[in-house]
């Protein structure tokens, strides 16, 4: 089961991810992240505190968010990565692209 919610803070879009971002959930995740691609004026915070798993299709979605946001001179921060999820980012070479916070 996967769930994505979003909110807006001053100058920042915030997304909360819950569950497993696998191939099945990637369509729902892509829809949930649509506000990122409608904006060019803000940073993005992705709260992964309750994210249990991320697949290559999930990484691809986050890479597209990174590319879009960076092309507009803004930042993407990943918050609350568990050790397992962090390892997927490290092994894929993606962690160096994002800012992280605990």
PDB file of N, CA and C in Angstrom:
ATOM      1  N   UNK A   1       0.850  -1.189   0.000  1.00  0.00           N
ATOM      2  CA  UNK A   1       0.000   0.000   0.000  1.00  0.00           C
ATOM      3  C   UNK A   1       0.884   1.237   0.000  1.00  0.00           C
ATOM      4  N   UNK A   2       0.508   2.217  -0.795  1.00  0.00           N
ATOM      5  CA  UNK A   2       1.260   3.463  -0.895  1.00  0.00           C
ATOM      6  C   UNK A   2       0.293   4.634  -0.821  1.00  0.00           C
ATOM      7  N   UNK A   3       0.759   5.704  -0.170  1.00  0.00           N
ATOM      8  CA  UNK A   3      -0.045   6.917  -0.065  1.00  0.00           C
ATOM      9  C   UNK A   3       0.883   8.117  -0.182  1.00  0.00           C
ATOM     10  N   UNK A   4       0.430   9.133  -0.917  1.00  0.00           N
ATOM     11  CA  UNK A   4       1.173  10.384  -1.030  1.00  0.00           C
ATOM     12  C   UNK A   4       0.223  11.532  -0.715  1.00  0.00           C
ATOM     13  N   UNK A   5       0.675  12.441   0.132  1.00  0.00           N
ATOM     14  CA  UNK A   5      -0.087  13.653   0.423  1.00  0.00           C
ATOM     15  C   UNK A   5       0.835  14.841   0.206  1.00  0.00           C
ATOM     16  N   UNK A   6       0.238  15.975  -0.066  1.00  0.00           N
ATOM     17  CA  UNK A   6       1.050  17.167  -0.308  1.00  0.00           C
ATOM     18  C   UNK A   6       0.458  18.369   0.405  1.00  0.00           C
ATOM     19  N   UNK A   7       1.327  19.322   0.663  1.00  0.00           N
ATOM     20  CA  UNK A   7       0.918  20.592   1.243  1.00  0.00           C
ATOM     21  C   UNK A   7       1.901  21.645   0.760  1.00  0.00           C
ATOM     22  N   UNK A   8       1.596  22.871   1.053  1.00  0.00           N
ATOM     23  CA  UNK A   8       2.478  23.957   0.640  1.00  0.00           C
ATOM     24  C   UNK A   8       2.836  24.803   1.841  1.00  0.00           C
ATOM     25  N   UNK A   9       4.121  25.070   1.976  1.00  0.00           N
ATOM     26  CA  UNK A   9       4.620  26.010   2.961  1.00  0.00           C
ATOM     27  C   UNK A   9       5.163  27.193   2.178  1.00  0.00           C
ATOM     28  N   UNK A  10       5.543  28.232   2.840  1.00  0.00           N
ATOM     29  CA  UNK A  10       6.064  29.404   2.150  1.00  0.00           C
ATOM     30  C   UNK A  10       7.290  29.007   1.338  1.00  0.00           C
ATOM     31  N   UNK A  11       7.182  29.114   0.024  1.00  0.00           N
ATOM     32  CA  UNK A  11       8.301  28.831  -0.860  1.00  0.00           C
ATOM     33  C   UNK A  11       8.676  27.374  -1.002  1.00  0.00           C
ATOM     34  N   UNK A  12       7.786  26.460  -0.566  1.00  0.00           N
ATOM     35  CA  UNK A  12       8.150  25.041  -0.580  1.00  0.00           C
ATOM     36  C   UNK A  12       6.918  24.156  -0.750  1.00  0.00           C
ATOM     37  N   UNK A  13       7.035  23.176  -1.636  1.00  0.00           N
ATOM     38  CA  UNK A  13       6.038  22.111  -1.726  1.00  0.00           C
ATOM     39  C   UNK A  13       6.515  20.952  -0.864  1.00  0.00           C
ATOM     40  N   UNK A  14       5.636  20.401  -0.053  1.00  0.00           N
ATOM     41  CA  UNK A  14       5.989  19.317   0.861  1.00  0.00           C
ATOM     42  C   UNK A  14       5.151  18.091   0.508  1.00  0.00           C
ATOM     43  N   UNK A  15       5.830  16.949   0.348  1.00  0.00           N
ATOM     44  CA  UNK A  15       5.167  15.691   0.030  1.00  0.00           C
ATOM     45  C   UNK A  15       5.499  14.674   1.111  1.00  0.00           C
ATOM     46  N   UNK A  16       4.495  13.968   1.587  1.00  0.00           N
ATOM     47  CA  UNK A  16       4.674  12.890   2.567  1.00  0.00           C
ATOM     48  C   UNK A  16       4.400  11.569   1.874  1.00  0.00           C
ATOM     49  N   UNK A  17       5.358  10.663   1.945  1.00  0.00           N
ATOM     50  CA  UNK A  17       5.236   9.349   1.328  1.00  0.00           C
ATOM     51  C   UNK A  17       5.063   8.297   2.407  1.00  0.00           C
ATOM     52  N   UNK A  18       4.091   7.409   2.212  1.00  0.00           N
ATOM     53  CA  UNK A  18       3.803   6.357   3.194  1.00  0.00           C
ATOM     54  C   UNK A  18       3.703   5.025   2.461  1.00  0.00           C
ATOM     55  N   UNK A  19       4.415   4.025   2.965  1.00  0.00           N
ATOM     56  CA  UNK A  19       4.305   2.677   2.411  1.00  0.00           C
ATOM     57  C   UNK A  19       5.412   2.334   1.439  1.00  0.00           C
ATOM     58  N   UNK A  20       5.049   1.585   0.392  1.00  0.00           N
ATOM     59  CA  UNK A  20       6.022   1.082  -0.578  1.00  0.00           C
ATOM     60  C   UNK A  20       5.827   1.771  -1.922  1.00  0.00           C
ATOM     61  N   UNK A  21       6.841   2.507  -2.353  1.00  0.00           N
ATOM     62  CA  UNK A  21       6.816   3.144  -3.675  1.00  0.00           C
ATOM     63  C   UNK A  21       7.444   2.169  -4.661  1.00  0.00           C
ATOM     64  N   UNK A  22       6.615   1.211  -5.088  1.00  0.00           N
ATOM     65  CA  UNK A  22       7.076   0.180  -6.007  1.00  0.00           C
ATOM     66  C   UNK A  22       6.501   0.431  -7.398  1.00  0.00           C
ATOM     67  N   UNK A  23       6.674  -0.517  -8.303  1.00  0.00           N
ATOM     68  CA  UNK A  23       6.197  -0.343  -9.673  1.00  0.00           C
ATOM     69  C   UNK A  23       4.690  -0.132  -9.731  1.00  0.00           C
ATOM     70  N   UNK A  24       3.954  -0.824  -8.901  1.00  0.00           N
ATOM     71  CA  UNK A  24       2.489  -0.694  -8.882  1.00  0.00           C
ATOM     72  C   UNK A  24       2.085   0.709  -8.430  1.00  0.00           C
ATOM     73  N   UNK A  25       2.778   1.247  -7.439  1.00  0.00           N
ATOM     74  CA  UNK A  25       2.433   2.545  -6.865  1.00  0.00           C
ATOM     75  C   UNK A  25       2.981   3.717  -7.679  1.00  0.00           C
ATOM     76  N   UNK A  26       3.827   3.455  -8.656  1.00  0.00           N
ATOM     77  CA  UNK A  26       4.490   4.555  -9.363  1.00  0.00           C
ATOM     78  C   UNK A  26       3.507   5.454 -10.121  1.00  0.00           C
ATOM     79  N   UNK A  27       2.419   4.900 -10.628  1.00  0.00           N
ATOM     80  CA  UNK A  27       1.421   5.724 -11.321  1.00  0.00           C
ATOM     81  C   UNK A  27       0.762   6.694 -10.345  1.00  0.00           C
ATOM     82  N   UNK A  28       0.390   6.188  -9.178  1.00  0.00           N
ATOM     83  CA  UNK A  28      -0.209   7.045  -8.153  1.00  0.00           C
ATOM     84  C   UNK A  28       0.787   8.103  -7.687  1.00  0.00           C
ATOM     85  N   UNK A  29       2.043   7.704  -7.520  1.00  0.00           N
ATOM     86  CA  UNK A  29       3.070   8.652  -7.092  1.00  0.00           C
ATOM     87  C   UNK A  29       3.265   9.747  -8.134  1.00  0.00           C
ATOM     88  N   UNK A  30       3.317   9.371  -9.399  1.00  0.00           N
ATOM     89  CA  UNK A  30       3.495  10.361 -10.468  1.00  0.00           C
ATOM     90  C   UNK A  30       2.352  11.378 -10.447  1.00  0.00           C
ATOM     91  N   UNK A  31       1.127  10.912 -10.246  1.00  0.00           N
ATOM     92  CA  UNK A  31      -0.022  11.830 -10.143  1.00  0.00           C
ATOM     93  C   UNK A  31       0.117  12.729  -8.918  1.00  0.00           C
ATOM     94  N   UNK A  32       0.548  12.146  -7.813  1.00  0.00           N
ATOM     95  CA  UNK A  32       0.684  12.917  -6.580  1.00  0.00           C
ATOM     96  C   UNK A  32       1.749  13.998  -6.656  1.00  0.00           C
ATOM     97  N   UNK A  33       2.767  13.769  -7.482  1.00  0.00           N
ATOM     98  CA  UNK A  33       3.844  14.750  -7.635  1.00  0.00           C
ATOM     99  C   UNK A  33       3.583  15.764  -8.746  1.00  0.00           C
ATOM    100  N   UNK A  34       2.433  15.704  -9.408  1.00  0.00           N
ATOM    101  CA  UNK A  34       2.137  16.637 -10.503  1.00  0.00           C
ATOM    102  C   UNK A  34       2.301  18.110 -10.126  1.00  0.00           C
ATOM    103  N   UNK A  35       1.953  18.527  -8.888  1.00  0.00           N
ATOM    104  CA  UNK A  35       2.128  19.944  -8.553  1.00  0.00           C
ATOM    105  C   UNK A  35       3.566  20.449  -8.737  1.00  0.00           C
ATOM    106  N   UNK A  36       4.541  19.567  -8.603  1.00  0.00           N
ATOM    107  CA  UNK A  36       5.942  19.973  -8.804  1.00  0.00           C
ATOM    108  C   UNK A  36       6.126  20.510 -10.220  1.00  0.00           C
ATOM    109  N   UNK A  37       5.550  19.829 -11.188  1.00  0.00           N
ATOM    110  CA  UNK A  37       5.767  20.166 -12.587  1.00  0.00           C
ATOM    111  C   UNK A  37       4.910  21.341 -13.054  1.00  0.00           C
ATOM    112  N   UNK A  38       3.984  21.759 -12.204  1.00  0.00           N
ATOM    113  CA  UNK A  38       3.169  22.934 -12.491  1.00  0.00           C
ATOM    114  C   UNK A  38       3.789  24.199 -11.926  1.00  0.00           C
ATOM    115  N   UNK A  39       4.880  24.052 -11.181  1.00  0.00           N
ATOM    116  CA  UNK A  39       5.507  25.185 -10.491  1.00  0.00           C
ATOM    117  C   UNK A  39       6.962  25.326 -10.905  1.00  0.00           C
ATOM    118  N   UNK A  40       7.431  26.540 -10.889  1.00  0.00           N
ATOM    119  CA  UNK A  40       8.848  26.805 -11.157  1.00  0.00           C
ATOM    120  C   UNK A  40       9.437  27.734 -10.100  1.00  0.00           C
ATOM    121  N   UNK A  41       8.685  27.962  -9.039  1.00  0.00           N
ATOM    122  CA  UNK A  41       9.056  29.012  -8.091  1.00  0.00           C
ATOM    123  C   UNK A  41       9.287  28.525  -6.668  1.00  0.00           C
ATOM    124  N   UNK A  42       9.568  27.236  -6.470  1.00  0.00           N
ATOM    125  CA  UNK A  42       9.682  26.783  -5.087  1.00  0.00           C
ATOM    126  C   UNK A  42      10.590  25.564  -4.943  1.00  0.00           C
ATOM    127  N   UNK A  43      11.070  25.387  -3.716  1.00  0.00           N
ATOM    128  CA  UNK A  43      11.820  24.191  -3.354  1.00  0.00           C
ATOM    129  C   UNK A  43      10.832  23.050  -3.088  1.00  0.00           C
ATOM    130  N   UNK A  44      11.380  21.841  -2.999  1.00  0.00           N
ATOM    131  CA  UNK A  44      10.567  20.653  -2.749  1.00  0.00           C
ATOM    132  C   UNK A  44      11.154  19.890  -1.563  1.00  0.00           C
ATOM    133  N   UNK A  45      10.304  19.514  -0.631  1.00  0.00           N
ATOM    134  CA  UNK A  45      10.680  18.655   0.497  1.00  0.00           C
ATOM    135  C   UNK A  45       9.873  17.370   0.378  1.00  0.00           C
ATOM    136  N   UNK A  46      10.571  16.237   0.353  1.00  0.00           N
ATOM    137  CA  UNK A  46       9.913  14.939   0.280  1.00  0.00           C
ATOM    138  C   UNK A  46      10.185  14.208   1.598  1.00  0.00           C
ATOM    139  N   UNK A  47       9.141  14.064   2.388  1.00  0.00           N
ATOM    140  CA  UNK A  47       9.261  13.418   3.700  1.00  0.00           C
ATOM    141  C   UNK A  47       9.105  11.910   3.518  1.00  0.00           C
ATOM    142  N   UNK A  48      10.195  11.203   3.743  1.00  0.00           N
ATOM    143  CA  UNK A  48      10.248   9.744   3.550  1.00  0.00           C
ATOM    144  C   UNK A  48      10.218   8.989   4.875  1.00  0.00           C
ATOM    145  N   UNK A  49       9.852   9.668   5.938  1.00  0.00           N
ATOM    146  CA  UNK A  49       9.865   9.067   7.269  1.00  0.00           C
ATOM    147  C   UNK A  49       9.068   7.764   7.315  1.00  0.00           C
ATOM    148  N   UNK A  50       7.945   7.710   6.587  1.00  0.00           N
ATOM    149  CA  UNK A  50       7.093   6.522   6.596  1.00  0.00           C
ATOM    150  C   UNK A  50       7.186   5.728   5.292  1.00  0.00           C
ATOM    151  N   UNK A  51       8.223   5.985   4.501  1.00  0.00           N
ATOM    152  CA  UNK A  51       8.450   5.234   3.266  1.00  0.00           C
ATOM    153  C   UNK A  51       9.239   3.980   3.616  1.00  0.00           C
ATOM    154  N   UNK A  52       8.684   2.817   3.291  1.00  0.00           N
ATOM    155  CA  UNK A  52       9.321   1.545   3.637  1.00  0.00           C
ATOM    156  C   UNK A  52      10.234   1.014   2.544  1.00  0.00           C
ATOM    157  N   UNK A  53       9.906   1.349   1.292  1.00  0.00           N
ATOM    158  CA  UNK A  53      10.600   0.746   0.153  1.00  0.00           C
ATOM    159  C   UNK A  53      10.467   1.666  -1.050  1.00  0.00           C
ATOM    160  N   UNK A  54      11.506   1.716  -1.895  1.00  0.00           N
ATOM    161  CA  UNK A  54      11.431   2.448  -3.150  1.00  0.00           C
ATOM    162  C   UNK A  54      12.077   1.604  -4.247  1.00  0.00           C
ATOM    163  N   UNK A  55      11.390   1.474  -5.374  1.00  0.00           N
ATOM    164  CA  UNK A  55      11.888   0.697  -6.501  1.00  0.00           C
ATOM    165  C   UNK A  55      12.573   1.628  -7.505  1.00  0.00           C
ATOM    166  N   UNK A  56      13.091   1.035  -8.562  1.00  0.00           N
ATOM    167  CA  UNK A  56      13.743   1.836  -9.599  1.00  0.00           C
ATOM    168  C   UNK A  56      12.750   2.794 -10.259  1.00  0.00           C
ATOM    169  N   UNK A  57      11.499   2.411 -10.387  1.00  0.00           N
ATOM    170  CA  UNK A  57      10.515   3.329 -10.973  1.00  0.00           C
ATOM    171  C   UNK A  57      10.255   4.509 -10.036  1.00  0.00           C
ATOM    172  N   UNK A  58      10.298   4.275  -8.739  1.00  0.00           N
ATOM    173  CA  UNK A  58      10.183   5.365  -7.776  1.00  0.00           C
ATOM    174  C   UNK A  58      11.380   6.295  -7.836  1.00  0.00           C
ATOM    175  N   UNK A  59      12.566   5.721  -7.965  1.00  0.00           N
ATOM    176  CA  UNK A  59      13.773   6.542  -8.113  1.00  0.00           C
ATOM    177  C   UNK A  59      13.697   7.401  -9.364  1.00  0.00           C
ATOM    178  N   UNK A  60      13.173   6.835 -10.443  1.00  0.00           N
ATOM    179  CA  UNK A  60      13.055   7.577 -11.705  1.00  0.00           C
ATOM    180  C   UNK A  60      12.128   8.787 -11.530  1.00  0.00           C
ATOM    181  N   UNK A  61      11.034   8.608 -10.810  1.00  0.00           N
ATOM    182  CA  UNK A  61      10.117   9.730 -10.541  1.00  0.00           C
ATOM    183  C   UNK A  61      10.838  10.828  -9.768  1.00  0.00           C
ATOM    184  N   UNK A  62      11.576  10.441  -8.737  1.00  0.00           N
ATOM    185  CA  UNK A  62      12.289  11.433  -7.936  1.00  0.00           C
ATOM    186  C   UNK A  62      13.404  12.106  -8.738  1.00  0.00           C
ATOM    187  N   UNK A  63      14.037  11.374  -9.636  1.00  0.00           N
ATOM    188  CA  UNK A  63      15.051  11.963 -10.502  1.00  0.00           C
ATOM    189  C   UNK A  63      14.416  13.023 -11.414  1.00  0.00           C
ATOM    190  N   UNK A  64      13.240  12.751 -11.942  1.00  0.00           N
ATOM    191  CA  UNK A  64      12.550  13.745 -12.772  1.00  0.00           C
ATOM    192  C   UNK A  64      12.181  14.988 -11.972  1.00  0.00           C
ATOM    193  N   UNK A  65      11.774  14.798 -10.728  1.00  0.00           N
ATOM    194  CA  UNK A  65      11.489  15.933  -9.844  1.00  0.00           C
ATOM    195  C   UNK A  65      12.757  16.741  -9.618  1.00  0.00           C
ATOM    196  N   UNK A  66      13.848  16.042  -9.355  1.00  0.00           N
ATOM    197  CA  UNK A  66      15.136  16.714  -9.148  1.00  0.00           C
ATOM    198  C   UNK A  66      15.510  17.548 -10.381  1.00  0.00           C
ATOM    199  N   UNK A  67      15.432  16.951 -11.562  1.00  0.00           N
ATOM    200  CA  UNK A  67      15.816  17.654 -12.791  1.00  0.00           C
ATOM    201  C   UNK A  67      14.952  18.886 -13.024  1.00  0.00           C
ATOM    202  N   UNK A  68      13.654  18.753 -12.848  1.00  0.00           N
ATOM    203  CA  UNK A  68      12.743  19.882 -13.050  1.00  0.00           C
ATOM    204  C   UNK A  68      13.031  21.002 -12.047  1.00  0.00           C
ATOM    205  N   UNK A  69      13.149  20.631 -10.791  1.00  0.00           N
ATOM    206  CA  UNK A  69      13.336  21.621  -9.731  1.00  0.00           C
ATOM    207  C   UNK A  69      14.679  22.325  -9.870  1.00  0.00           C
ATOM    208  N   UNK A  70      15.729  21.566 -10.122  1.00  0.00           N
ATOM    209  CA  UNK A  70      17.065  22.154 -10.295  1.00  0.00           C
ATOM    210  C   UNK A  70      17.138  23.045 -11.537  1.00  0.00           C
ATOM    211  N   UNK A  71      16.431  22.681 -12.606  1.00  0.00           N
ATOM    212  CA  UNK A  71      16.451  23.513 -13.815  1.00  0.00           C
ATOM    213  C   UNK A  71      15.811  24.876 -13.556  1.00  0.00           C
ATOM    214  N   UNK A  72      15.010  24.963 -12.492  1.00  0.00           N
ATOM    215  CA  UNK A  72      14.398  26.223 -12.095  1.00  0.00           C
ATOM    216  C   UNK A  72      15.114  26.848 -10.901  1.00  0.00           C
ATOM    217  N   UNK A  73      16.331  26.361 -10.639  1.00  0.00           N
ATOM    218  CA  UNK A  73      17.214  26.919  -9.600  1.00  0.00           C
ATOM    219  C   UNK A  73      16.648  26.785  -8.189  1.00  0.00           C
ATOM    220  N   UNK A  74      16.007  25.642  -7.934  1.00  0.00           N
ATOM    221  CA  UNK A  74      15.499  25.348  -6.602  1.00  0.00           C
ATOM    222  C   UNK A  74      16.041  24.001  -6.135  1.00  0.00           C
ATOM    223  N   UNK A  75      15.760  23.667  -4.888  1.00  0.00           N
ATOM    224  CA  UNK A  75      16.349  22.494  -4.246  1.00  0.00           C
ATOM    225  C   UNK A  75      15.304  21.430  -3.931  1.00  0.00           C
ATOM    226  N   UNK A  76      15.776  20.180  -3.892  1.00  0.00           N
ATOM    227  CA  UNK A  76      14.946  19.057  -3.452  1.00  0.00           C
ATOM    228  C   UNK A  76      15.622  18.442  -2.229  1.00  0.00           C
ATOM    229  N   UNK A  77      14.869  18.320  -1.148  1.00  0.00           N
ATOM    230  CA  UNK A  77      15.379  17.740   0.088  1.00  0.00           C
ATOM    231  C   UNK A  77      14.590  16.482   0.421  1.00  0.00           C
ATOM    232  N   UNK A  78      15.313  15.435   0.789  1.00  0.00           N
ATOM    233  CA  UNK A  78      14.703  14.196   1.268  1.00  0.00           C
ATOM    234  C   UNK A  78      14.828  14.186   2.781  1.00  0.00           C
ATOM    235  N   UNK A  79      13.732  13.934   3.457  1.00  0.00           N
ATOM    236  CA  UNK A  79      13.711  13.952   4.920  1.00  0.00           C
ATOM    237  C   UNK A  79      13.368  12.565   5.449  1.00  0.00           C
ATOM    238  N   UNK A  80      14.076  12.152   6.493  1.00  0.00           N
ATOM    239  CA  UNK A  80      13.703  10.961   7.242  1.00  0.00           C
ATOM    240  C   UNK A  80      13.922   9.645   6.521  1.00  0.00           C
ATOM    241  N   UNK A  81      14.999   9.522   5.759  1.00  0.00           N
ATOM    242  CA  UNK A  81      15.275   8.260   5.064  1.00  0.00           C
ATOM    243  C   UNK A  81      15.640   7.164   6.057  1.00  0.00           C
ATOM    244  N   UNK A  82      14.955   6.039   5.973  1.00  0.00           N
ATOM    245  CA  UNK A  82      15.340   4.882   6.791  1.00  0.00           C
ATOM    246  C   UNK A  82      16.643   4.322   6.236  1.00  0.00           C
ATOM    247  N   UNK A  83      17.293   3.472   6.984  1.00  0.00           N
ATOM    248  CA  UNK A  83      18.549   2.877   6.518  1.00  0.00           C
ATOM    249  C   UNK A  83      18.346   2.093   5.224  1.00  0.00           C
ATOM    250  N   UNK A  84      17.250   1.337   5.128  1.00  0.00           N
ATOM    251  CA  UNK A  84      16.987   0.530   3.934  1.00  0.00           C
ATOM    252  C   UNK A  84      16.753   1.401   2.705  1.00  0.00           C
ATOM    253  N   UNK A  85      15.946   2.437   2.853  1.00  0.00           N
ATOM    254  CA  UNK A  85      15.659   3.324   1.722  1.00  0.00           C
ATOM    255  C   UNK A  85      16.913   4.110   1.348  1.00  0.00           C
ATOM    256  N   UNK A  86      17.650   4.566   2.347  1.00  0.00           N
ATOM    257  CA  UNK A  86      18.903   5.294   2.083  1.00  0.00           C
ATOM    258  C   UNK A  86      19.866   4.419   1.276  1.00  0.00           C
ATOM    259  N   UNK A  87      19.937   3.147   1.607  1.00  0.00           N
ATOM    260  CA  UNK A  87      20.835   2.235   0.894  1.00  0.00           C
ATOM    261  C   UNK A  87      20.477   2.136  -0.587  1.00  0.00           C
ATOM    262  N   UNK A  88      19.187   2.128  -0.909  1.00  0.00           N
ATOM    263  CA  UNK A  88      18.761   2.098  -2.312  1.00  0.00           C
ATOM    264  C   UNK A  88      19.239   3.357  -3.033  1.00  0.00           C
ATOM    265  N   UNK A  89      19.112   4.506  -2.386  1.00  0.00           N
ATOM    266  CA  UNK A  89      19.588   5.757  -2.982  1.00  0.00           C
ATOM    267  C   UNK A  89      21.104   5.733  -3.171  1.00  0.00           C
ATOM    268  N   UNK A  90      21.819   5.222  -2.190  1.00  0.00           N
ATOM    269  CA  UNK A  90      23.281   5.154  -2.270  1.00  0.00           C
ATOM    270  C   UNK A  90      23.713   4.211  -3.387  1.00  0.00           C
ATOM    271  N   UNK A  91      23.150   3.011  -3.416  1.00  0.00           N
ATOM    272  CA  UNK A  91      23.531   2.024  -4.427  1.00  0.00           C
ATOM    273  C   UNK A  91      23.217   2.504  -5.837  1.00  0.00           C
ATOM    274  N   UNK A  92      22.143   3.277  -5.991  1.00  0.00           N
ATOM    275  CA  UNK A  92      21.781   3.807  -7.303  1.00  0.00           C
ATOM    276  C   UNK A  92      22.537   5.070  -7.671  1.00  0.00           C
ATOM    277  N   UNK A  93      23.329   5.598  -6.734  1.00  0.00           N
ATOM    278  CA  UNK A  93      24.073   6.825  -6.989  1.00  0.00           C
ATOM    279  C   UNK A  93      23.216   8.081  -6.956  1.00  0.00           C
ATOM    280  N   UNK A  94      22.033   7.983  -6.342  1.00  0.00           N
ATOM    281  CA  UNK A  94      21.106   9.106  -6.324  1.00  0.00           C
ATOM    282  C   UNK A  94      21.248  10.005  -5.096  1.00  0.00           C
ATOM    283  N   UNK A  95      21.780   9.483  -4.013  1.00  0.00           N
ATOM    284  CA  UNK A  95      21.785  10.254  -2.776  1.00  0.00           C
ATOM    285  C   UNK A  95      22.576  11.552  -2.912  1.00  0.00           C
ATOM    286  N   UNK A  96      23.623  11.529  -3.698  1.00  0.00           N
ATOM    287  CA  UNK A  96      24.460  12.730  -3.861  1.00  0.00           C
ATOM    288  C   UNK A  96      23.724  13.863  -4.560  1.00  0.00           C
ATOM    289  N   UNK A  97      22.616  13.574  -5.230  1.00  0.00           N
ATOM    290  CA  UNK A  97      21.867  14.615  -5.938  1.00  0.00           C
ATOM    291  C   UNK A  97      21.009  15.450  -4.995  1.00  0.00           C
ATOM    292  N   UNK A  98      20.530  14.828  -3.928  1.00  0.00           N
ATOM    293  CA  UNK A  98      19.547  15.461  -3.053  1.00  0.00           C
ATOM    294  C   UNK A  98      20.171  15.963  -1.764  1.00  0.00           C
ATOM    295  N   UNK A  99      19.588  17.019  -1.216  1.00  0.00           N
ATOM    296  CA  UNK A  99      19.892  17.394   0.155  1.00  0.00           C
ATOM    297  C   UNK A  99      19.144  16.413   1.046  1.00  0.00           C
ATOM    298  N   UNK A 100      19.664  16.141   2.223  1.00  0.00           N
ATOM    299  CA  UNK A 100      18.972  15.240   3.153  1.00  0.00           C
ATOM    300  C   UNK A 100      18.894  15.887   4.534  1.00  0.00           C
ATOM    301  N   UNK A 101      17.868  15.512   5.244  1.00  0.00           N
ATOM    302  CA  UNK A 101      17.751  15.905   6.647  1.00  0.00           C
ATOM    303  C   UNK A 101      17.081  14.767   7.395  1.00  0.00           C
ATOM    304  N   UNK A 102      17.404  14.666   8.689  1.00  0.00           N
ATOM    305  CA  UNK A 102      16.852  13.582   9.505  1.00  0.00           C
ATOM    306  C   UNK A 102      15.470  13.914   9.989  1.00  0.00           C
TER     307      UNK A 102
END
